[in-house]
Amino acid sequence: SPETLAEETGLSLQQIEAGVTWRSIDFQHWHQQFGKKDGP
């Protein structure tokens, strides 16, 4: 749960959201640079 995650990480729910968003954006950048270009 988000509450347990906040407790275990010491992060606020806003920091968790920012961390998840950062990871998503980082992955999108990687995919744009190296992702498969000839898939379905």
Full PDB file with SEQRES, HELIX, SHEET, SSBOND, CRYST1, ORIGX, SCALE, CONECT and MASTER records, all heavy atoms in Angstrom:
SEQRES   1 A   40  SER PRO GLU THR LEU ALA GLU GLU THR GLY LEU SER LEU          
SEQRES   2 A   40  GLN GLN ILE GLU ALA GLY VAL THR TRP ARG SER ILE ASP          
SEQRES   3 A   40  PHE GLN HIS TRP HIS GLN GLN PHE GLY LYS LYS ASP GLY          
SEQRES   4 A   40  PRO                                                          
HELIX    1 AA1 PRO A    2  THR A    9  1                                   8    
HELIX    2 AA2 LEU A   13  PHE A   34  1                                  22    
CRYST1    1.000    1.000    1.000  90.00  90.00  90.00 P 1           1          
ORIGX1      1.000000  0.000000  0.000000        0.00000                         
ORIGX2      0.000000  1.000000  0.000000        0.00000                         
ORIGX3      0.000000  0.000000  1.000000        0.00000                         
SCALE1      1.000000  0.000000  0.000000        0.00000                         
SCALE2      0.000000  1.000000  0.000000        0.00000                         
SCALE3      0.000000  0.000000  1.000000        0.00000                         
ATOM      1  N   SER A   1       0.845  -1.197   0.000  1.00  0.00           N  
ATOM      2  CA  SER A   1       0.000   0.000   0.000  1.00  0.00           C  
ATOM      3  C   SER A   1       0.885   1.253   0.000  1.00  0.00           C  
ATOM      4  O   SER A   1       2.031   1.210   0.467  1.00  0.00           O  
ATOM      5  CB  SER A   1      -0.899   0.027   1.233  1.00  0.00           C  
ATOM      6  OG  SER A   1      -0.133   0.312   2.401  1.00  0.00           O  
ATOM      7  N   PRO A   2       0.367   2.350  -0.521  1.00  0.00           N  
ATOM      8  CA  PRO A   2       1.136   3.596  -0.496  1.00  0.00           C  
ATOM      9  C   PRO A   2       1.541   3.998   0.924  1.00  0.00           C  
ATOM     10  O   PRO A   2       2.656   4.493   1.141  1.00  0.00           O  
ATOM     11  CB  PRO A   2       0.184   4.624  -1.120  1.00  0.00           C  
ATOM     12  CG  PRO A   2      -0.746   3.824  -1.958  1.00  0.00           C  
ATOM     13  CD  PRO A   2      -0.899   2.509  -1.246  1.00  0.00           C  
ATOM     14  N   GLU A   3       0.666   3.769   1.878  1.00  0.00           N  
ATOM     15  CA  GLU A   3       0.971   4.149   3.267  1.00  0.00           C  
ATOM     16  C   GLU A   3       2.124   3.316   3.828  1.00  0.00           C  
ATOM     17  O   GLU A   3       3.019   3.849   4.493  1.00  0.00           O  
ATOM     18  CB  GLU A   3      -0.276   3.997   4.150  1.00  0.00           C  
ATOM     19  CG  GLU A   3      -1.403   4.958   3.808  1.00  0.00           C  
ATOM     20  CD  GLU A   3      -2.176   4.570   2.548  1.00  0.00           C  
ATOM     21  OE1 GLU A   3      -2.151   3.390   2.127  1.00  0.00           O  
ATOM     22  OE2 GLU A   3      -2.804   5.471   1.958  1.00  0.00           O  
ATOM     23  N   THR A   4       2.112   2.012   3.564  1.00  0.00           N  
ATOM     24  CA  THR A   4       3.210   1.151   4.016  1.00  0.00           C  
ATOM     25  C   THR A   4       4.501   1.516   3.302  1.00  0.00           C  
ATOM     26  O   THR A   4       5.576   1.557   3.908  1.00  0.00           O  
ATOM     27  CB  THR A   4       2.869  -0.337   3.783  1.00  0.00           C  
ATOM     28  OG1 THR A   4       1.681  -0.649   4.507  1.00  0.00           O  
ATOM     29  CG2 THR A   4       3.999  -1.244   4.228  1.00  0.00           C  
ATOM     30  N   LEU A   5       4.399   1.807   2.014  1.00  0.00           N  
ATOM     31  CA  LEU A   5       5.578   2.215   1.246  1.00  0.00           C  
ATOM     32  C   LEU A   5       6.167   3.498   1.827  1.00  0.00           C  
ATOM     33  O   LEU A   5       7.383   3.612   1.986  1.00  0.00           O  
ATOM     34  CB  LEU A   5       5.209   2.406  -0.228  1.00  0.00           C  
ATOM     35  CG  LEU A   5       6.354   2.669  -1.188  1.00  0.00           C  
ATOM     36  CD1 LEU A   5       7.375   1.542  -1.154  1.00  0.00           C  
ATOM     37  CD2 LEU A   5       5.812   2.858  -2.599  1.00  0.00           C  
ATOM     38  N   ALA A   6       5.311   4.439   2.182  1.00  0.00           N  
ATOM     39  CA  ALA A   6       5.786   5.690   2.781  1.00  0.00           C  
ATOM     40  C   ALA A   6       6.482   5.413   4.114  1.00  0.00           C  
ATOM     41  O   ALA A   6       7.556   5.960   4.393  1.00  0.00           O  
ATOM     42  CB  ALA A   6       4.617   6.654   2.982  1.00  0.00           C  
ATOM     43  N   GLU A   7       5.898   4.536   4.902  1.00  0.00           N  
ATOM     44  CA  GLU A   7       6.485   4.209   6.199  1.00  0.00           C  
ATOM     45  C   GLU A   7       7.850   3.533   6.034  1.00  0.00           C  
ATOM     46  O   GLU A   7       8.806   3.870   6.726  1.00  0.00           O  
ATOM     47  CB  GLU A   7       5.531   3.286   6.963  1.00  0.00           C  
ATOM     48  CG  GLU A   7       6.017   2.934   8.351  1.00  0.00           C  
ATOM     49  CD  GLU A   7       5.017   2.043   9.079  1.00  0.00           C  
ATOM     50  OE1 GLU A   7       3.803   2.282   8.966  1.00  0.00           O  
ATOM     51  OE2 GLU A   7       5.477   1.099   9.753  1.00  0.00           O  
ATOM     52  N   GLU A   8       7.953   2.596   5.094  1.00  0.00           N  
ATOM     53  CA  GLU A   8       9.195   1.846   4.922  1.00  0.00           C  
ATOM     54  C   GLU A   8      10.308   2.660   4.269  1.00  0.00           C  
ATOM     55  O   GLU A   8      11.483   2.403   4.511  1.00  0.00           O  
ATOM     56  CB  GLU A   8       8.935   0.573   4.128  1.00  0.00           C  
ATOM     57  CG  GLU A   8       8.126  -0.431   4.915  1.00  0.00           C  
ATOM     58  CD  GLU A   8       7.998  -1.766   4.218  1.00  0.00           C  
ATOM     59  OE1 GLU A   8       8.679  -1.997   3.197  1.00  0.00           O  
ATOM     60  OE2 GLU A   8       7.216  -2.594   4.719  1.00  0.00           O  
ATOM     61  N   THR A   9       9.938   3.621   3.445  1.00  0.00           N  
ATOM     62  CA  THR A   9      10.958   4.425   2.756  1.00  0.00           C  
ATOM     63  C   THR A   9      11.291   5.714   3.487  1.00  0.00           C  
ATOM     64  O   THR A   9      12.329   6.323   3.224  1.00  0.00           O  
ATOM     65  CB  THR A   9      10.496   4.801   1.335  1.00  0.00           C  
ATOM     66  OG1 THR A   9       9.286   5.559   1.432  1.00  0.00           O  
ATOM     67  CG2 THR A   9      10.287   3.569   0.474  1.00  0.00           C  
ATOM     68  N   GLY A  10      10.388   6.139   4.375  1.00  0.00           N  
ATOM     69  CA  GLY A  10      10.580   7.429   5.027  1.00  0.00           C  
ATOM     70  C   GLY A  10      10.218   8.600   4.133  1.00  0.00           C  
ATOM     71  O   GLY A  10      10.538   9.750   4.432  1.00  0.00           O  
ATOM     72  N   LEU A  11       9.525   8.308   3.035  1.00  0.00           N  
ATOM     73  CA  LEU A  11       9.134   9.346   2.080  1.00  0.00           C  
ATOM     74  C   LEU A  11       7.674   9.724   2.281  1.00  0.00           C  
ATOM     75  O   LEU A  11       6.869   8.920   2.741  1.00  0.00           O  
ATOM     76  CB  LEU A  11       9.329   8.844   0.644  1.00  0.00           C  
ATOM     77  CG  LEU A  11      10.737   8.423   0.242  1.00  0.00           C  
ATOM     78  CD1 LEU A  11      10.720   7.809  -1.158  1.00  0.00           C  
ATOM     79  CD2 LEU A  11      11.697   9.598   0.305  1.00  0.00           C  
ATOM     80  N   SER A  12       7.351  10.934   1.890  1.00  0.00           N  
ATOM     81  CA  SER A  12       5.949  11.344   1.895  1.00  0.00           C  
ATOM     82  C   SER A  12       5.274  10.771   0.648  1.00  0.00           C  
ATOM     83  O   SER A  12       5.941  10.330  -0.303  1.00  0.00           O  
ATOM     84  CB  SER A  12       5.844  12.877   1.874  1.00  0.00           C  
ATOM     85  OG  SER A  12       6.272  13.372   0.612  1.00  0.00           O  
ATOM     86  N   LEU A  13       3.946  10.802   0.627  1.00  0.00           N  
ATOM     87  CA  LEU A  13       3.224  10.331  -0.557  1.00  0.00           C  
ATOM     88  C   LEU A  13       3.562  11.185  -1.779  1.00  0.00           C  
ATOM     89  O   LEU A  13       3.650  10.673  -2.898  1.00  0.00           O  
ATOM     90  CB  LEU A  13       1.715  10.312  -0.293  1.00  0.00           C  
ATOM     91  CG  LEU A  13       1.253   9.279   0.760  1.00  0.00           C  
ATOM     92  CD1 LEU A  13      -0.242   9.401   1.011  1.00  0.00           C  
ATOM     93  CD2 LEU A  13       1.631   7.867   0.359  1.00  0.00           C  
ATOM     94  N   GLN A  14       3.806  12.474  -1.584  1.00  0.00           N  
ATOM     95  CA  GLN A  14       4.187  13.362  -2.691  1.00  0.00           C  
ATOM     96  C   GLN A  14       5.577  12.984  -3.223  1.00  0.00           C  
ATOM     97  O   GLN A  14       5.816  13.011  -4.433  1.00  0.00           O  
ATOM     98  CB  GLN A  14       4.163  14.834  -2.248  1.00  0.00           C  
ATOM     99  CG  GLN A  14       2.789  15.370  -1.940  1.00  0.00           C  
ATOM    100  CD  GLN A  14       2.309  14.996  -0.530  1.00  0.00           C  
ATOM    101  OE1 GLN A  14       3.055  14.511   0.317  1.00  0.00           O  
ATOM    102  NE2 GLN A  14       1.021  15.193  -0.280  1.00  0.00           N  
ATOM    103  N   GLN A  15       6.499  12.640  -2.327  1.00  0.00           N  
ATOM    104  CA  GLN A  15       7.837  12.225  -2.761  1.00  0.00           C  
ATOM    105  C   GLN A  15       7.767  10.892  -3.505  1.00  0.00           C  
ATOM    106  O   GLN A  15       8.482  10.698  -4.496  1.00  0.00           O  
ATOM    107  CB  GLN A  15       8.778  12.121  -1.564  1.00  0.00           C  
ATOM    108  CG  GLN A  15       9.136  13.467  -0.969  1.00  0.00           C  
ATOM    109  CD  GLN A  15       9.864  13.335   0.366  1.00  0.00           C  
ATOM    110  OE1 GLN A  15       9.558  12.449   1.174  1.00  0.00           O  
ATOM    111  NE2 GLN A  15      10.826  14.227   0.591  1.00  0.00           N  
ATOM    112  N   ILE A  16       6.907   9.994  -3.046  1.00  0.00           N  
ATOM    113  CA  ILE A  16       6.731   8.723  -3.745  1.00  0.00           C  
ATOM    114  C   ILE A  16       6.206   8.971  -5.148  1.00  0.00           C  
ATOM    115  O   ILE A  16       6.710   8.406  -6.130  1.00  0.00           O  
ATOM    116  CB  ILE A  16       5.805   7.775  -2.946  1.00  0.00           C  
ATOM    117  CG1 ILE A  16       6.532   7.304  -1.672  1.00  0.00           C  
ATOM    118  CG2 ILE A  16       5.358   6.591  -3.805  1.00  0.00           C  
ATOM    119  CD1 ILE A  16       5.667   6.559  -0.692  1.00  0.00           C  
ATOM    120  N   GLU A  17       5.219   9.825  -5.275  1.00  0.00           N  
ATOM    121  CA  GLU A  17       4.673  10.163  -6.598  1.00  0.00           C  
ATOM    122  C   GLU A  17       5.760  10.760  -7.495  1.00  0.00           C  
ATOM    123  O   GLU A  17       5.885  10.395  -8.672  1.00  0.00           O  
ATOM    124  CB  GLU A  17       3.497  11.129  -6.460  1.00  0.00           C  
ATOM    125  CG  GLU A  17       2.844  11.485  -7.777  1.00  0.00           C  
ATOM    126  CD  GLU A  17       2.135  10.319  -8.437  1.00  0.00           C  
ATOM    127  OE1 GLU A  17       1.633   9.434  -7.733  1.00  0.00           O  
ATOM    128  OE2 GLU A  17       2.098  10.295  -9.688  1.00  0.00           O  
ATOM    129  N   ALA A  18       6.577  11.647  -6.953  1.00  0.00           N  
ATOM    130  CA  ALA A  18       7.660  12.257  -7.737  1.00  0.00           C  
ATOM    131  C   ALA A  18       8.695  11.209  -8.154  1.00  0.00           C  
ATOM    132  O   ALA A  18       9.195  11.237  -9.282  1.00  0.00           O  
ATOM    133  CB  ALA A  18       8.324  13.377  -6.939  1.00  0.00           C  
ATOM    134  N   GLY A  19       9.017  10.283  -7.253  1.00  0.00           N  
ATOM    135  CA  GLY A  19       9.972   9.226  -7.585  1.00  0.00           C  
ATOM    136  C   GLY A  19       9.447   8.308  -8.680  1.00  0.00           C  
ATOM    137  O   GLY A  19      10.186   7.938  -9.605  1.00  0.00           O  
ATOM    138  N   VAL A  20       8.177   7.936  -8.589  1.00  0.00           N  
ATOM    139  CA  VAL A  20       7.569   7.078  -9.606  1.00  0.00           C  
ATOM    140  C   VAL A  20       7.515   7.819 -10.940  1.00  0.00           C  
ATOM    141  O   VAL A  20       7.822   7.253 -11.996  1.00  0.00           O  
ATOM    142  CB  VAL A  20       6.163   6.622  -9.158  1.00  0.00           C  
ATOM    143  CG1 VAL A  20       5.406   5.942 -10.291  1.00  0.00           C  
ATOM    144  CG2 VAL A  20       6.277   5.693  -7.955  1.00  0.00           C  
ATOM    145  N   THR A  21       7.161   9.078 -10.922  1.00  0.00           N  
ATOM    146  CA  THR A  21       7.108   9.882 -12.150  1.00  0.00           C  
ATOM    147  C   THR A  21       8.497   9.995 -12.760  1.00  0.00           C  
ATOM    148  O   THR A  21       8.660   9.849 -13.977  1.00  0.00           O  
ATOM    149  CB  THR A  21       6.533  11.282 -11.851  1.00  0.00           C  
ATOM    150  OG1 THR A  21       5.206  11.115 -11.333  1.00  0.00           O  
ATOM    151  CG2 THR A  21       6.513  12.147 -13.090  1.00  0.00           C  
ATOM    152  N   TRP A  22       9.519  10.246 -11.943  1.00  0.00           N  
ATOM    153  CA  TRP A  22      10.897  10.357 -12.447  1.00  0.00           C  
ATOM    154  C   TRP A  22      11.294   9.070 -13.151  1.00  0.00           C  
ATOM    155  O   TRP A  22      11.863   9.095 -14.238  1.00  0.00           O  
ATOM    156  CB  TRP A  22      11.877  10.670 -11.314  1.00  0.00           C  
ATOM    157  CG  TRP A  22      13.257  10.889 -11.823  1.00  0.00           C  
ATOM    158  CD1 TRP A  22      13.809  12.074 -12.217  1.00  0.00           C  
ATOM    159  CD2 TRP A  22      14.267   9.901 -12.042  1.00  0.00           C  
ATOM    160  NE1 TRP A  22      15.089  11.877 -12.663  1.00  0.00           N  
ATOM    161  CE2 TRP A  22      15.391  10.549 -12.569  1.00  0.00           C  
ATOM    162  CE3 TRP A  22      14.323   8.530 -11.844  1.00  0.00           C  
ATOM    163  CZ2 TRP A  22      16.559   9.877 -12.897  1.00  0.00           C  
ATOM    164  CZ3 TRP A  22      15.474   7.854 -12.174  1.00  0.00           C  
ATOM    165  CH2 TRP A  22      16.578   8.523 -12.694  1.00  0.00           C  
ATOM    166  N   ARG A  23      10.984   7.926 -12.548  1.00  0.00           N  
ATOM    167  CA  ARG A  23      11.349   6.637 -13.140  1.00  0.00           C  
ATOM    168  C   ARG A  23      10.647   6.446 -14.470  1.00  0.00           C  
ATOM    169  O   ARG A  23      11.232   5.968 -15.440  1.00  0.00           O  
ATOM    170  CB  ARG A  23      11.003   5.496 -12.186  1.00  0.00           C  
ATOM    171  CG  ARG A  23      11.325   4.136 -12.726  1.00  0.00           C  
ATOM    172  CD  ARG A  23      12.830   3.993 -12.885  1.00  0.00           C  
ATOM    173  NE  ARG A  23      13.126   2.691 -13.408  1.00  0.00           N  
ATOM    174  CZ  ARG A  23      13.935   2.485 -14.437  1.00  0.00           C  
ATOM    175  NH1 ARG A  23      14.551   3.484 -15.013  1.00  0.00           N  
ATOM    176  NH2 ARG A  23      14.159   1.275 -14.859  1.00  0.00           N  
ATOM    177  N   SER A  24       9.377   6.813 -14.526  1.00  0.00           N  
ATOM    178  CA  SER A  24       8.611   6.670 -15.758  1.00  0.00           C  
ATOM    179  C   SER A  24       9.196   7.537 -16.867  1.00  0.00           C  
ATOM    180  O   SER A  24       9.375   7.081 -17.999  1.00  0.00           O  
ATOM    181  CB  SER A  24       7.155   7.046 -15.500  1.00  0.00           C  
ATOM    182  OG  SER A  24       6.415   6.973 -16.682  1.00  0.00           O  
ATOM    183  N   ILE A  25       9.528   8.766 -16.555  1.00  0.00           N  
ATOM    184  CA  ILE A  25      10.116   9.675 -17.550  1.00  0.00           C  
ATOM    185  C   ILE A  25      11.489   9.170 -17.979  1.00  0.00           C  
ATOM    186  O   ILE A  25      11.828   9.178 -19.167  1.00  0.00           O  
ATOM    187  CB  ILE A  25      10.192  11.112 -16.996  1.00  0.00           C  
ATOM    188  CG1 ILE A  25       8.783  11.685 -16.856  1.00  0.00           C  
ATOM    189  CG2 ILE A  25      11.058  12.003 -17.881  1.00  0.00           C  
ATOM    190  CD1 ILE A  25       8.707  12.982 -16.079  1.00  0.00           C  
ATOM    191  N   ASP A  26      12.282   8.689 -17.033  1.00  0.00           N  
ATOM    192  CA  ASP A  26      13.600   8.151 -17.341  1.00  0.00           C  
ATOM    193  C   ASP A  26      13.482   6.959 -18.291  1.00  0.00           C  
ATOM    194  O   ASP A  26      14.225   6.848 -19.267  1.00  0.00           O  
ATOM    195  CB  ASP A  26      14.309   7.748 -16.040  1.00  0.00           C  
ATOM    196  CG  ASP A  26      15.744   7.332 -16.250  1.00  0.00           C  
ATOM    197  OD1 ASP A  26      16.477   8.052 -16.959  1.00  0.00           O  
ATOM    198  OD2 ASP A  26      16.142   6.292 -15.686  1.00  0.00           O  
ATOM    199  N   PHE A  27      12.519   6.082 -18.031  1.00  0.00           N  
ATOM    200  CA  PHE A  27      12.315   4.933 -18.909  1.00  0.00           C  
ATOM    201  C   PHE A  27      11.868   5.386 -20.299  1.00  0.00           C  
ATOM    202  O   PHE A  27      12.318   4.848 -21.308  1.00  0.00           O  
ATOM    203  CB  PHE A  27      11.301   3.947 -18.326  1.00  0.00           C  
ATOM    204  CG  PHE A  27      11.040   2.791 -19.248  1.00  0.00           C  
ATOM    205  CD1 PHE A  27      11.980   1.778 -19.378  1.00  0.00           C  
ATOM    206  CD2 PHE A  27       9.885   2.732 -20.003  1.00  0.00           C  
ATOM    207  CE1 PHE A  27      11.761   0.719 -20.256  1.00  0.00           C  
ATOM    208  CE2 PHE A  27       9.664   1.677 -20.875  1.00  0.00           C  
ATOM    209  CZ  PHE A  27      10.595   0.672 -21.002  1.00  0.00           C  
ATOM    210  N   GLN A  28      10.975   6.368 -20.368  1.00  0.00           N  
ATOM    211  CA  GLN A  28      10.517   6.859 -21.664  1.00  0.00           C  
ATOM    212  C   GLN A  28      11.682   7.422 -22.473  1.00  0.00           C  
ATOM    213  O   GLN A  28      11.776   7.182 -23.680  1.00  0.00           O  
ATOM    214  CB  GLN A  28       9.439   7.921 -21.484  1.00  0.00           C  
ATOM    215  CG  GLN A  28       8.121   7.361 -21.024  1.00  0.00           C  
ATOM    216  CD  GLN A  28       7.111   8.460 -20.696  1.00  0.00           C  
ATOM    217  OE1 GLN A  28       7.368   9.636 -20.878  1.00  0.00           O  
ATOM    218  NE2 GLN A  28       5.955   8.053 -20.197  1.00  0.00           N  
ATOM    219  N   HIS A  29      12.583   8.144 -21.813  1.00  0.00           N  
ATOM    220  CA  HIS A  29      13.764   8.671 -22.511  1.00  0.00           C  
ATOM    221  C   HIS A  29      14.634   7.535 -23.037  1.00  0.00           C  
ATOM    222  O   HIS A  29      15.125   7.583 -24.161  1.00  0.00           O  
ATOM    223  CB  HIS A  29      14.574   9.577 -21.594  1.00  0.00           C  
ATOM    224  CG  HIS A  29      13.932  10.890 -21.330  1.00  0.00           C  
ATOM    225  ND1 HIS A  29      14.312  11.718 -20.313  1.00  0.00           N  
ATOM    226  CD2 HIS A  29      12.910  11.535 -21.946  1.00  0.00           C  
ATOM    227  CE1 HIS A  29      13.585  12.789 -20.309  1.00  0.00           C  
ATOM    228  NE2 HIS A  29      12.700  12.703 -21.293  1.00  0.00           N  
ATOM    229  N   TRP A  30      14.819   6.497 -22.206  1.00  0.00           N  
ATOM    230  CA  TRP A  30      15.618   5.352 -22.633  1.00  0.00           C  
ATOM    231  C   TRP A  30      14.959   4.686 -23.837  1.00  0.00           C  
ATOM    232  O   TRP A  30      15.618   4.373 -24.825  1.00  0.00           O  
ATOM    233  CB  TRP A  30      15.771   4.345 -21.488  1.00  0.00           C  
ATOM    234  CG  TRP A  30      16.574   3.157 -21.911  1.00  0.00           C  
ATOM    235  CD1 TRP A  30      17.924   3.012 -21.817  1.00  0.00           C  
ATOM    236  CD2 TRP A  30      16.083   1.964 -22.536  1.00  0.00           C  
ATOM    237  NE1 TRP A  30      18.303   1.802 -22.341  1.00  0.00           N  
ATOM    238  CE2 TRP A  30      17.195   1.126 -22.797  1.00  0.00           C  
ATOM    239  CE3 TRP A  30      14.822   1.519 -22.904  1.00  0.00           C  
ATOM    240  CZ2 TRP A  30      17.077  -0.115 -23.397  1.00  0.00           C  
ATOM    241  CZ3 TRP A  30      14.711   0.269 -23.513  1.00  0.00           C  
ATOM    242  CH2 TRP A  30      15.832  -0.532 -23.746  1.00  0.00           C  
ATOM    243  N   HIS A  31      13.655   4.479 -23.755  1.00  0.00           N  
ATOM    244  CA  HIS A  31      12.931   3.799 -24.829  1.00  0.00           C  
ATOM    245  C   HIS A  31      13.008   4.592 -26.134  1.00  0.00           C  
ATOM    246  O   HIS A  31      13.178   4.019 -27.207  1.00  0.00           O  
ATOM    247  CB  HIS A  31      11.478   3.556 -24.422  1.00  0.00           C  
ATOM    248  CG  HIS A  31      10.733   2.687 -25.385  1.00  0.00           C  
ATOM    249  ND1 HIS A  31      11.118   1.403 -25.681  1.00  0.00           N  
ATOM    250  CD2 HIS A  31       9.625   2.926 -26.123  1.00  0.00           C  
ATOM    251  CE1 HIS A  31      10.288   0.887 -26.563  1.00  0.00           C  
ATOM    252  NE2 HIS A  31       9.374   1.787 -26.844  1.00  0.00           N  
ATOM    253  N   GLN A  32      12.909   5.911 -26.040  1.00  0.00           N  
ATOM    254  CA  GLN A  32      13.017   6.746 -27.231  1.00  0.00           C  
ATOM    255  C   GLN A  32      14.398   6.624 -27.869  1.00  0.00           C  
ATOM    256  O   GLN A  32      14.539   6.647 -29.083  1.00  0.00           O  
ATOM    257  CB  GLN A  32      12.731   8.204 -26.886  1.00  0.00           C  
ATOM    258  CG  GLN A  32      11.283   8.478 -26.583  1.00  0.00           C  
ATOM    259  CD  GLN A  32      11.065   9.876 -26.020  1.00  0.00           C  
ATOM    260  OE1 GLN A  32      12.001  10.611 -25.738  1.00  0.00           O  
ATOM    261  NE2 GLN A  32       9.797  10.235 -25.837  1.00  0.00           N  
ATOM    262  N   GLN A  33      15.423   6.488 -27.029  1.00  0.00           N  
ATOM    263  CA  GLN A  33      16.787   6.418 -27.543  1.00  0.00           C  
ATOM    264  C   GLN A  33      17.164   5.021 -28.017  1.00  0.00           C  
ATOM    265  O   GLN A  33      17.810   4.869 -29.047  1.00  0.00           O  
ATOM    266  CB  GLN A  33      17.769   6.882 -26.472  1.00  0.00           C  
ATOM    267  CG  GLN A  33      19.189   6.989 -26.965  1.00  0.00           C  
ATOM    268  CD  GLN A  33      20.110   7.602 -25.925  1.00  0.00           C  
ATOM    269  OE1 GLN A  33      19.713   7.893 -24.815  1.00  0.00           O  
ATOM    270  NE2 GLN A  33      21.351   7.785 -26.293  1.00  0.00           N  
ATOM    271  N   PHE A  34      16.759   3.978 -27.275  1.00  0.00           N  
ATOM    272  CA  PHE A  34      17.239   2.627 -27.558  1.00  0.00           C  
ATOM    273  C   PHE A  34      16.148   1.616 -27.872  1.00  0.00           C  
ATOM    274  O   PHE A  34      16.448   0.470 -28.203  1.00  0.00           O  
ATOM    275  CB  PHE A  34      18.035   2.097 -26.353  1.00  0.00           C  
ATOM    276  CG  PHE A  34      19.216   2.931 -26.003  1.00  0.00           C  
ATOM    277  CD1 PHE A  34      19.196   3.710 -24.859  1.00  0.00           C  
ATOM    278  CD2 PHE A  34      20.341   2.974 -26.810  1.00  0.00           C  
ATOM    279  CE1 PHE A  34      20.282   4.487 -24.514  1.00  0.00           C  
ATOM    280  CE2 PHE A  34      21.429   3.738 -26.475  1.00  0.00           C  
ATOM    281  CZ  PHE A  34      21.408   4.508 -25.325  1.00  0.00           C  
ATOM    282  N   GLY A  35      14.895   2.009 -27.727  1.00  0.00           N  
ATOM    283  CA  GLY A  35      13.790   1.061 -27.893  1.00  0.00           C  
ATOM    284  C   GLY A  35      13.716   0.478 -29.286  1.00  0.00           C  
ATOM    285  O   GLY A  35      14.234   1.048 -30.258  1.00  0.00           O  
ATOM    286  N   LYS A  36      13.040  -0.648 -29.378  1.00  0.00           N  
ATOM    287  CA  LYS A  36      12.875  -1.342 -30.648  1.00  0.00           C  
ATOM    288  C   LYS A  36      12.065  -0.479 -31.606  1.00  0.00           C  
ATOM    289  O   LYS A  36      10.990  -0.002 -31.265  1.00  0.00           O  
ATOM    290  CB  LYS A  36      12.190  -2.677 -30.389  1.00  0.00           C  
ATOM    291  CG  LYS A  36      12.272  -3.633 -31.517  1.00  0.00           C  
ATOM    292  CD  LYS A  36      11.743  -4.995 -31.075  1.00  0.00           C  
ATOM    293  CE  LYS A  36      11.963  -5.988 -32.176  1.00  0.00           C  
ATOM    294  NZ  LYS A  36      11.450  -7.295 -31.787  1.00  0.00           N  
ATOM    295  N   LYS A  37      12.558  -0.276 -32.799  1.00  0.00           N  
ATOM    296  CA  LYS A  37      11.928   0.609 -33.765  1.00  0.00           C  
ATOM    297  C   LYS A  37      11.045  -0.138 -34.779  1.00  0.00           C  
ATOM    298  O   LYS A  37      10.311   0.449 -35.515  1.00  0.00           O  
ATOM    299  CB  LYS A  37      13.005   1.376 -34.546  1.00  0.00           C  
ATOM    300  CG  LYS A  37      13.967   2.126 -33.656  1.00  0.00           C  
ATOM    301  CD  LYS A  37      13.523   3.541 -33.455  1.00  0.00           C  
ATOM    302  CE  LYS A  37      14.603   4.385 -32.838  1.00  0.00           C  
ATOM    303  NZ  LYS A  37      14.621   4.467 -31.431  1.00  0.00           N  
ATOM    304  N   ASP A  38      11.156  -1.467 -34.824  1.00  0.00           N  
ATOM    305  CA  ASP A  38      10.449  -2.209 -35.878  1.00  0.00           C  
ATOM    306  C   ASP A  38       9.470  -3.237 -35.315  1.00  0.00           C  
ATOM    307  O   ASP A  38       9.257  -4.274 -35.919  1.00  0.00           O  
ATOM    308  CB  ASP A  38      11.446  -2.872 -36.813  1.00  0.00           C  
ATOM    309  CG  ASP A  38      12.393  -3.822 -36.080  1.00  0.00           C  
ATOM    310  OD1 ASP A  38      12.395  -3.826 -34.840  1.00  0.00           O  
ATOM    311  OD2 ASP A  38      13.123  -4.559 -36.767  1.00  0.00           O  
ATOM    312  N   GLY A  39       8.855  -2.948 -34.207  1.00  0.00           N  
ATOM    313  CA  GLY A  39       7.888  -3.859 -33.610  1.00  0.00           C  
ATOM    314  C   GLY A  39       6.502  -3.635 -34.155  1.00  0.00           C  
ATOM    315  O   GLY A  39       6.303  -2.879 -35.106  1.00  0.00           O  
ATOM    316  N   PRO A  40       5.508  -4.314 -33.554  1.00  0.00           N  
ATOM    317  CA  PRO A  40       4.128  -4.190 -34.040  1.00  0.00           C  
ATOM    318  C   PRO A  40       3.567  -2.775 -33.935  1.00  0.00           C  
ATOM    319  O   PRO A  40       2.663  -2.418 -34.656  1.00  0.00           O  
ATOM    320  CB  PRO A  40       3.328  -5.160 -33.168  1.00  0.00           C  
ATOM    321  CG  PRO A  40       4.200  -5.476 -31.997  1.00  0.00           C  
ATOM    322  CD  PRO A  40       5.612  -5.213 -32.429  1.00  0.00           C  
TER     323      PRO A  40                                                      
MASTER        0    0    0    2    0    0    0    6  322    1    0    4          
END                                                                             
